[in-house]
Amino acid sequence: MIKLQTKLPKDIYVACSGGVDSMAALDFLRRKHNVIVLHYNHGTGHGNYAATWMHNYCRTNNIGFILGKNNVDKPKGMSQEEHWRNVRYNFLDNYNDKPVITAHHLDDCVETWLFSSMHGTGKWIPSKRNNVLRPFRLTRKRDFELWVNLNNIPYISDDSNNDLCYNRNYIRHKMMPHVLRINPGIHKVIAKKMKEEVV
């Protein structure tokens, strides 16, 4: 079941890539909110395709659409993942007249906690970053997948999500099955910790 961790105003932006998570979040939110989609094109082959696909979806469904595109070279020594994250948030930061909602979910938070723990920090994705709100942190990815299937919501998949050269993908596809074998309740553990946060 999709859960909102916090109450949202009527007018919002939704950061949407076209993937299953963000499309489920977009469809869920637009039923009770006035939404404008913020889409960022990283300039990759998939990025160009996704920008066109997302624009067409929004036009067909009468949803406001704002496109940003990467025109910044990756700094030397910075990982591709970090660069993509930085330029995407720089884009989202420009829209601060109302909240920007992202589809980060509980599985993302568990993976972030695992990754950061191996670097000595042990943190999950915070509920807020400047004007960006992440109200779906208590929702499992499988619930987003169920939502799009039950409601016939289209989405697109990025093949790079299966590329194990990226740390996030390695954790998701290779490490998580072992983590769940040791602690099948890891998602409940992290959810409980996040509920204890002072928002």
C-alpha atoms as a PDB file:
ATOM      1  CA  MET A   1       0.000   0.000   0.000  1.00  0.00           C
ATOM      2  CA  ILE A   2       1.285   3.452  -0.928  1.00  0.00           C
ATOM      3  CA  LYS A   3       1.719   5.640   2.161  1.00  0.00           C
ATOM      4  CA  LEU A   4       2.421   9.330   2.559  1.00  0.00           C
ATOM      5  CA  GLN A   5       4.681  10.138   5.488  1.00  0.00           C
ATOM      6  CA  THR A   6       3.547  13.765   5.626  1.00  0.00           C
ATOM      7  CA  LYS A   7       0.660  15.953   4.513  1.00  0.00           C
ATOM      8  CA  LEU A   8       1.175  17.779   1.213  1.00  0.00           C
ATOM      9  CA  PRO A   9      -0.245  21.072  -0.100  1.00  0.00           C
ATOM     10  CA  LYS A  10      -2.629  21.108  -3.040  1.00  0.00           C
ATOM     11  CA  ASP A  11      -0.094  22.479  -5.559  1.00  0.00           C
ATOM     12  CA  ILE A  12       3.127  20.533  -6.018  1.00  0.00           C
ATOM     13  CA  TYR A  13       5.868  19.624  -8.448  1.00  0.00           C
ATOM     14  CA  VAL A  14       6.626  15.940  -9.005  1.00  0.00           C
ATOM     15  CA  ALA A  15      10.115  14.880 -10.083  1.00  0.00           C
ATOM     16  CA  CYS A  16       9.421  12.155 -12.623  1.00  0.00           C
ATOM     17  CA  SER A  17      11.880  10.081 -14.664  1.00  0.00           C
ATOM     18  CA  GLY A  18       9.268   7.893 -16.366  1.00  0.00           C
ATOM     19  CA  GLY A  19      10.344   4.833 -14.368  1.00  0.00           C
ATOM     20  CA  VAL A  20       7.943   2.654 -12.410  1.00  0.00           C
ATOM     21  CA  ASP A  21       8.482   4.416  -9.047  1.00  0.00           C
ATOM     22  CA  SER A  22       7.980   7.973 -10.235  1.00  0.00           C
ATOM     23  CA  MET A  23       5.078   7.075 -12.547  1.00  0.00           C
ATOM     24  CA  ALA A  24       3.260   5.366  -9.673  1.00  0.00           C
ATOM     25  CA  ALA A  25       3.911   8.391  -7.452  1.00  0.00           C
ATOM     26  CA  LEU A  26       2.740  10.784 -10.182  1.00  0.00           C
ATOM     27  CA  ASP A  27      -0.514   8.896 -10.757  1.00  0.00           C
ATOM     28  CA  PHE A  28      -1.131   8.577  -7.005  1.00  0.00           C
ATOM     29  CA  LEU A  29      -0.530  12.285  -6.360  1.00  0.00           C
ATOM     30  CA  ARG A  30      -2.402  13.755  -9.310  1.00  0.00           C
ATOM     31  CA  ARG A  31      -5.662  12.249  -8.025  1.00  0.00           C
ATOM     32  CA  LYS A  32      -5.774  14.765  -5.169  1.00  0.00           C
ATOM     33  CA  HIS A  33      -3.187  17.396  -6.095  1.00  0.00           C
ATOM     34  CA  ASN A  34      -2.438  19.864  -8.856  1.00  0.00           C
ATOM     35  CA  VAL A  35       0.848  18.585 -10.240  1.00  0.00           C
ATOM     36  CA  ILE A  36       3.523  19.843 -12.597  1.00  0.00           C
ATOM     37  CA  VAL A  37       6.141  17.327 -13.704  1.00  0.00           C
ATOM     38  CA  LEU A  38       9.837  18.188 -13.470  1.00  0.00           C
ATOM     39  CA  HIS A  39      11.876  15.927 -15.737  1.00  0.00           C
ATOM     40  CA  TYR A  40      15.660  15.981 -16.056  1.00  0.00           C
ATOM     41  CA  ASN A  41      17.424  14.706 -19.177  1.00  0.00           C
ATOM     42  CA  HIS A  42      20.995  13.615 -18.446  1.00  0.00           C
ATOM     43  CA  GLY A  43      21.806  13.614 -22.145  1.00  0.00           C
ATOM     44  CA  THR A  44      22.299   9.853 -22.455  1.00  0.00           C
ATOM     45  CA  GLY A  45      20.607   7.728 -25.101  1.00  0.00           C
ATOM     46  CA  HIS A  46      17.944   6.670 -22.643  1.00  0.00           C
ATOM     47  CA  GLY A  47      17.723  10.206 -21.271  1.00  0.00           C
ATOM     48  CA  ASN A  48      16.781  11.627 -24.673  1.00  0.00           C
ATOM     49  CA  TYR A  49      14.197   8.892 -25.217  1.00  0.00           C
ATOM     50  CA  ALA A  50      12.744   9.344 -21.714  1.00  0.00           C
ATOM     51  CA  ALA A  51      12.420  13.116 -22.155  1.00  0.00           C
ATOM     52  CA  THR A  52      10.345  12.678 -25.311  1.00  0.00           C
ATOM     53  CA  TRP A  53       8.277   9.875 -23.779  1.00  0.00           C
ATOM     54  CA  MET A  54       7.587  11.847 -20.608  1.00  0.00           C
ATOM     55  CA  HIS A  55       6.685  14.989 -22.541  1.00  0.00           C
ATOM     56  CA  ASN A  56       4.207  13.052 -24.685  1.00  0.00           C
ATOM     57  CA  TYR A  57       2.656  11.410 -21.620  1.00  0.00           C
ATOM     58  CA  CYS A  58       2.145  14.747 -19.896  1.00  0.00           C
ATOM     59  CA  ARG A  59       0.723  16.371 -23.020  1.00  0.00           C
ATOM     60  CA  THR A  60      -1.734  13.494 -23.527  1.00  0.00           C
ATOM     61  CA  ASN A  61      -2.851  13.653 -19.883  1.00  0.00           C
ATOM     62  CA  ASN A  62      -2.938  17.471 -19.564  1.00  0.00           C
ATOM     63  CA  ILE A  63      -0.143  17.581 -16.993  1.00  0.00           C
ATOM     64  CA  GLY A  64       2.213  20.545 -16.800  1.00  0.00           C
ATOM     65  CA  PHE A  65       5.738  19.606 -17.897  1.00  0.00           C
ATOM     66  CA  ILE A  66       9.103  21.302 -17.309  1.00  0.00           C
ATOM     67  CA  LEU A  67      12.271  19.865 -18.845  1.00  0.00           C
ATOM     68  CA  GLY A  68      15.840  20.353 -17.699  1.00  0.00           C
ATOM     69  CA  LYS A  69      18.872  19.081 -19.596  1.00  0.00           C
ATOM     70  CA  ASN A  70      22.444  18.410 -18.539  1.00  0.00           C
ATOM     71  CA  ASN A  71      25.007  20.780 -20.017  1.00  0.00           C
ATOM     72  CA  VAL A  72      27.676  20.354 -17.330  1.00  0.00           C
ATOM     73  CA  ASP A  73      30.710  18.091 -17.753  1.00  0.00           C
ATOM     74  CA  LYS A  74      31.469  15.632 -14.985  1.00  0.00           C
ATOM     75  CA  PRO A  75      34.236  16.982 -12.724  1.00  0.00           C
ATOM     76  CA  LYS A  76      37.437  14.969 -12.684  1.00  0.00           C
ATOM     77  CA  GLY A  77      37.493  12.425  -9.858  1.00  0.00           C
ATOM     78  CA  MET A  78      33.728  12.461  -9.309  1.00  0.00           C
ATOM     79  CA  SER A  79      31.709   9.294  -9.889  1.00  0.00           C
ATOM     80  CA  GLN A  80      29.082   9.315 -12.628  1.00  0.00           C
ATOM     81  CA  GLU A  81      26.389   8.570 -10.043  1.00  0.00           C
ATOM     82  CA  GLU A  82      27.363  11.549  -7.894  1.00  0.00           C
ATOM     83  CA  HIS A  83      27.529  13.868 -10.910  1.00  0.00           C
ATOM     84  CA  TRP A  84      24.076  12.824 -12.123  1.00  0.00           C
ATOM     85  CA  ARG A  85      22.663  13.295  -8.618  1.00  0.00           C
ATOM     86  CA  ASN A  86      24.233  16.766  -8.248  1.00  0.00           C
ATOM     87  CA  VAL A  87      23.046  18.177 -11.571  1.00  0.00           C
ATOM     88  CA  ARG A  88      19.564  16.736 -11.051  1.00  0.00           C
ATOM     89  CA  TYR A  89      19.222  18.395  -7.637  1.00  0.00           C
ATOM     90  CA  ASN A  90      20.627  21.664  -8.988  1.00  0.00           C
ATOM     91  CA  PHE A  91      17.737  21.579 -11.471  1.00  0.00           C
ATOM     92  CA  LEU A  92      15.128  20.768  -8.811  1.00  0.00           C
ATOM     93  CA  ASP A  93      16.458  23.534  -6.541  1.00  0.00           C
ATOM     94  CA  ASN A  94      15.358  26.117  -9.103  1.00  0.00           C
ATOM     95  CA  TYR A  95      11.690  25.328  -8.393  1.00  0.00           C
ATOM     96  CA  ASN A  96      11.149  26.498  -4.839  1.00  0.00           C
ATOM     97  CA  ASP A  97       7.761  28.238  -5.064  1.00  0.00           C
ATOM     98  CA  LYS A  98       6.127  24.952  -4.019  1.00  0.00           C
ATOM     99  CA  PRO A  99       7.380  21.552  -2.841  1.00  0.00           C
ATOM    100  CA  VAL A 100       9.092  19.165  -5.233  1.00  0.00           C
ATOM    101  CA  ILE A 101       8.033  15.586  -4.508  1.00  0.00           C
ATOM    102  CA  THR A 102      10.292  12.635  -5.306  1.00  0.00           C
ATOM    103  CA  ALA A 103       9.410   8.929  -5.329  1.00  0.00           C
ATOM    104  CA  HIS A 104      12.188   7.742  -3.014  1.00  0.00           C
ATOM    105  CA  HIS A 105      10.842   4.685  -1.206  1.00  0.00           C
ATOM    106  CA  LEU A 106      11.724   2.358   1.654  1.00  0.00           C
ATOM    107  CA  ASP A 107      13.892   0.081  -0.505  1.00  0.00           C
ATOM    108  CA  ASP A 108      15.955   3.132  -1.534  1.00  0.00           C
ATOM    109  CA  CYS A 109      16.401   4.064   2.118  1.00  0.00           C
ATOM    110  CA  VAL A 110      17.583   0.568   3.085  1.00  0.00           C
ATOM    111  CA  GLU A 111      20.078   0.516   0.215  1.00  0.00           C
ATOM    112  CA  THR A 112      21.347   3.983   1.177  1.00  0.00           C
ATOM    113  CA  TRP A 113      21.748   2.863   4.788  1.00  0.00           C
ATOM    114  CA  LEU A 114      23.773  -0.183   3.677  1.00  0.00           C
ATOM    115  CA  PHE A 115      25.997   1.879   1.386  1.00  0.00           C
ATOM    116  CA  SER A 116      26.607   4.623   3.947  1.00  0.00           C
ATOM    117  CA  SER A 117      27.204   2.094   6.751  1.00  0.00           C
ATOM    118  CA  MET A 118      30.122   0.691   4.790  1.00  0.00           C
ATOM    119  CA  HIS A 119      31.581   4.207   4.827  1.00  0.00           C
ATOM    120  CA  GLY A 120      31.051   4.616   8.572  1.00  0.00           C
ATOM    121  CA  THR A 121      27.998   6.898   8.577  1.00  0.00           C
ATOM    122  CA  GLY A 122      24.934   4.614   8.563  1.00  0.00           C
ATOM    123  CA  LYS A 123      22.267   7.035   7.307  1.00  0.00           C
ATOM    124  CA  TRP A 124      19.139   6.820   5.189  1.00  0.00           C
ATOM    125  CA  ILE A 125      17.605   9.270   2.749  1.00  0.00           C
ATOM    126  CA  PRO A 126      16.269  12.262   4.738  1.00  0.00           C
ATOM    127  CA  SER A 127      12.612  13.255   4.460  1.00  0.00           C
ATOM    128  CA  LYS A 128      13.503  16.731   3.210  1.00  0.00           C
ATOM    129  CA  ARG A 129      16.246  18.509   1.269  1.00  0.00           C
ATOM    130  CA  ASN A 130      15.653  22.236   0.728  1.00  0.00           C
ATOM    131  CA  ASN A 131      12.420  22.388  -1.321  1.00  0.00           C
ATOM    132  CA  VAL A 132      12.448  18.637  -2.053  1.00  0.00           C
ATOM    133  CA  LEU A 133      10.139  16.401  -0.016  1.00  0.00           C
ATOM    134  CA  ARG A 134      10.282  12.588   0.071  1.00  0.00           C
ATOM    135  CA  PRO A 135       6.922  11.518   1.507  1.00  0.00           C
ATOM    136  CA  PHE A 136       7.001   7.918   0.211  1.00  0.00           C
ATOM    137  CA  ARG A 137       9.883   6.676   2.371  1.00  0.00           C
ATOM    138  CA  LEU A 138       7.601   4.175   4.156  1.00  0.00           C
ATOM    139  CA  THR A 139       6.320   2.691   0.870  1.00  0.00           C
ATOM    140  CA  ARG A 140       7.930  -0.442  -0.572  1.00  0.00           C
ATOM    141  CA  LYS A 141       8.952  -0.548  -4.221  1.00  0.00           C
ATOM    142  CA  ARG A 142       6.694  -3.566  -4.742  1.00  0.00           C
ATOM    143  CA  ASP A 143       3.712  -1.358  -3.797  1.00  0.00           C
ATOM    144  CA  PHE A 144       4.623   1.106  -6.543  1.00  0.00           C
ATOM    145  CA  GLU A 145       4.884  -1.816  -8.971  1.00  0.00           C
ATOM    146  CA  LEU A 146       1.491  -3.128  -7.858  1.00  0.00           C
ATOM    147  CA  TRP A 147      -0.047   0.343  -8.301  1.00  0.00           C
ATOM    148  CA  VAL A 148       1.033   0.722 -11.932  1.00  0.00           C
ATOM    149  CA  ASN A 149      -0.082  -2.816 -12.750  1.00  0.00           C
ATOM    150  CA  LEU A 150      -3.524  -2.431 -11.153  1.00  0.00           C
ATOM    151  CA  ASN A 151      -4.102   0.987 -12.711  1.00  0.00           C
ATOM    152  CA  ASN A 152      -2.531   0.274 -16.126  1.00  0.00           C
ATOM    153  CA  ILE A 153      -0.043   3.108 -15.767  1.00  0.00           C
ATOM    154  CA  PRO A 154       2.671   3.061 -18.454  1.00  0.00           C
ATOM    155  CA  TYR A 155       6.321   3.435 -17.549  1.00  0.00           C
ATOM    156  CA  ILE A 156       9.732   3.002 -19.128  1.00  0.00           C
ATOM    157  CA  SER A 157      12.823   1.159 -17.926  1.00  0.00           C
ATOM    158  CA  ASP A 158      16.431   2.331 -18.049  1.00  0.00           C
ATOM    159  CA  ASP A 159      18.849  -0.511 -18.883  1.00  0.00           C
ATOM    160  CA  SER A 160      21.559   1.237 -16.846  1.00  0.00           C
ATOM    161  CA  ASN A 161      19.643   0.233 -13.699  1.00  0.00           C
ATOM    162  CA  ASN A 162      21.024  -3.273 -14.237  1.00  0.00           C
ATOM    163  CA  ASP A 163      24.628  -2.175 -14.825  1.00  0.00           C
ATOM    164  CA  LEU A 164      26.656  -3.487 -11.886  1.00  0.00           C
ATOM    165  CA  CYS A 165      29.450  -0.953 -12.431  1.00  0.00           C
ATOM    166  CA  TYR A 166      27.267   1.486 -10.458  1.00  0.00           C
ATOM    167  CA  ASN A 167      27.444   0.994  -6.689  1.00  0.00           C
ATOM    168  CA  ARG A 168      23.710   1.424  -6.164  1.00  0.00           C
ATOM    169  CA  ASN A 169      22.941  -1.359  -8.636  1.00  0.00           C
ATOM    170  CA  TYR A 170      25.531  -3.674  -7.110  1.00  0.00           C
ATOM    171  CA  ILE A 171      23.985  -3.213  -3.674  1.00  0.00           C
ATOM    172  CA  ARG A 172      20.460  -3.714  -5.026  1.00  0.00           C
ATOM    173  CA  HIS A 173      21.090  -6.771  -7.197  1.00  0.00           C
ATOM    174  CA  LYS A 174      24.008  -8.522  -5.484  1.00  0.00           C
ATOM    175  CA  MET A 175      24.058  -7.545  -1.810  1.00  0.00           C
ATOM    176  CA  MET A 176      20.387  -7.179  -0.870  1.00  0.00           C
ATOM    177  CA  PRO A 177      19.544 -10.902  -1.288  1.00  0.00           C
ATOM    178  CA  HIS A 178      22.284 -11.734   1.260  1.00  0.00           C
ATOM    179  CA  VAL A 179      21.162  -8.958   3.622  1.00  0.00           C
ATOM    180  CA  LEU A 180      17.592 -10.293   3.530  1.00  0.00           C
ATOM    181  CA  ARG A 181      18.841 -13.786   4.286  1.00  0.00           C
ATOM    182  CA  ILE A 182      20.516 -12.501   7.456  1.00  0.00           C
ATOM    183  CA  ASN A 183      17.706 -10.093   8.407  1.00  0.00           C
ATOM    184  CA  PRO A 184      14.425 -10.560   6.488  1.00  0.00           C
ATOM    185  CA  GLY A 185      12.952  -7.698   8.529  1.00  0.00           C
ATOM    186  CA  ILE A 186      15.531  -5.070   7.568  1.00  0.00           C
ATOM    187  CA  HIS A 187      12.879  -2.873   5.904  1.00  0.00           C
ATOM    188  CA  LYS A 188      10.794  -2.827   9.091  1.00  0.00           C
ATOM    189  CA  VAL A 189      13.888  -1.951  11.132  1.00  0.00           C
ATOM    190  CA  ILE A 190      14.767   1.053   8.949  1.00  0.00           C
ATOM    191  CA  ALA A 191      11.103   2.142   8.722  1.00  0.00           C
ATOM    192  CA  LYS A 192      10.842   2.171  12.504  1.00  0.00           C
ATOM    193  CA  LYS A 193      14.013   4.257  12.792  1.00  0.00           C
ATOM    194  CA  MET A 194      12.727   6.776  10.249  1.00  0.00           C
ATOM    195  CA  LYS A 195       9.382   7.097  12.050  1.00  0.00           C
ATOM    196  CA  GLU A 196      11.328   8.150  15.141  1.00  0.00           C
ATOM    197  CA  GLU A 197      12.810  11.121  13.278  1.00  0.00           C
ATOM    198  CA  VAL A 198      11.728  14.616  14.183  1.00  0.00           C
ATOM    199  CA  VAL A 199      10.494  16.037  10.890  1.00  0.00           C
END
